[in-house]
């Protein structure tokens, strides 16, 4: 049995699906940023969030 998840297409976001679970990746709190997702054995294992502020 396959489950379904709904996402809001009006919201800018990055999503990860791991083992059938939908995970919303945190966005940079302000300024400019990047999200790095690390994979291990064909699955996402963790992510890193970096951001900078323009002065």
C-alpha atoms as a PDB file:
ATOM      1  CA  UNK A   1       0.000   0.000   0.000  1.00  0.00           C
ATOM      2  CA  UNK A   2       1.406   3.353  -1.044  1.00  0.00           C
ATOM      3  CA  UNK A   3       0.783   6.408   1.097  1.00  0.00           C
ATOM      4  CA  UNK A   4       0.423   9.906  -0.252  1.00  0.00           C
ATOM      5  CA  UNK A   5       1.676  13.185   1.120  1.00  0.00           C
ATOM      6  CA  UNK A   6       0.542  16.643   0.122  1.00  0.00           C
ATOM      7  CA  UNK A   7       2.821  19.610  -0.336  1.00  0.00           C
ATOM      8  CA  UNK A   8       1.957  23.268  -0.809  1.00  0.00           C
ATOM      9  CA  UNK A   9       3.171  24.260  -4.274  1.00  0.00           C
ATOM     10  CA  UNK A  10       2.783  27.936  -3.338  1.00  0.00           C
ATOM     11  CA  UNK A  11       5.517  27.633  -0.684  1.00  0.00           C
ATOM     12  CA  UNK A  12       9.179  27.705  -1.726  1.00  0.00           C
ATOM     13  CA  UNK A  13      10.805  24.734  -0.009  1.00  0.00           C
ATOM     14  CA  UNK A  14      13.141  21.787  -0.390  1.00  0.00           C
ATOM     15  CA  UNK A  15      11.825  18.335   0.418  1.00  0.00           C
ATOM     16  CA  UNK A  16      13.493  14.981   1.014  1.00  0.00           C
ATOM     17  CA  UNK A  17      11.691  11.662   0.816  1.00  0.00           C
ATOM     18  CA  UNK A  18      13.473   9.006   2.875  1.00  0.00           C
ATOM     19  CA  UNK A  19      11.953   5.572   3.424  1.00  0.00           C
ATOM     20  CA  UNK A  20       8.533   6.900   2.469  1.00  0.00           C
ATOM     21  CA  UNK A  21       8.646   9.840   4.889  1.00  0.00           C
ATOM     22  CA  UNK A  22       8.474  13.417   3.583  1.00  0.00           C
ATOM     23  CA  UNK A  23      10.921  15.757   5.331  1.00  0.00           C
ATOM     24  CA  UNK A  24      10.988  19.534   4.847  1.00  0.00           C
ATOM     25  CA  UNK A  25      14.576  20.805   4.811  1.00  0.00           C
ATOM     26  CA  UNK A  26      15.083  23.954   6.885  1.00  0.00           C
ATOM     27  CA  UNK A  27      15.504  27.142   4.882  1.00  0.00           C
ATOM     28  CA  UNK A  28      18.130  29.770   5.639  1.00  0.00           C
ATOM     29  CA  UNK A  29      16.642  32.071   8.293  1.00  0.00           C
ATOM     30  CA  UNK A  30      17.610  35.211   6.343  1.00  0.00           C
ATOM     31  CA  UNK A  31      20.016  36.455   3.733  1.00  0.00           C
ATOM     32  CA  UNK A  32      21.571  34.018   1.272  1.00  0.00           C
ATOM     33  CA  UNK A  33      22.088  30.353   1.895  1.00  0.00           C
ATOM     34  CA  UNK A  34      22.608  26.861   0.645  1.00  0.00           C
ATOM     35  CA  UNK A  35      21.478  23.382   1.567  1.00  0.00           C
ATOM     36  CA  UNK A  36      23.804  20.418   1.058  1.00  0.00           C
ATOM     37  CA  UNK A  37      22.242  16.958   1.191  1.00  0.00           C
ATOM     38  CA  UNK A  38      24.595  14.022   1.776  1.00  0.00           C
ATOM     39  CA  UNK A  39      23.672  10.570   0.511  1.00  0.00           C
ATOM     40  CA  UNK A  40      24.843   7.181   1.782  1.00  0.00           C
ATOM     41  CA  UNK A  41      23.953   3.813   0.245  1.00  0.00           C
ATOM     42  CA  UNK A  42      21.438   5.428  -2.097  1.00  0.00           C
ATOM     43  CA  UNK A  43      19.543   7.270   0.649  1.00  0.00           C
ATOM     44  CA  UNK A  44      19.808  10.806   2.043  1.00  0.00           C
ATOM     45  CA  UNK A  45      21.660  10.562   5.343  1.00  0.00           C
ATOM     46  CA  UNK A  46      21.898  14.174   6.541  1.00  0.00           C
ATOM     47  CA  UNK A  47      21.848  17.750   5.365  1.00  0.00           C
ATOM     48  CA  UNK A  48      23.862  20.858   6.086  1.00  0.00           C
ATOM     49  CA  UNK A  49      22.499  24.393   6.100  1.00  0.00           C
ATOM     50  CA  UNK A  50      24.780  27.414   5.576  1.00  0.00           C
ATOM     51  CA  UNK A  51      23.817  31.027   5.174  1.00  0.00           C
ATOM     52  CA  UNK A  52      25.370  34.469   4.884  1.00  0.00           C
ATOM     53  CA  UNK A  53      24.026  37.955   5.423  1.00  0.00           C
ATOM     54  CA  UNK A  54      24.665  40.812   3.031  1.00  0.00           C
ATOM     55  CA  UNK A  55      25.914  43.968   4.721  1.00  0.00           C
END
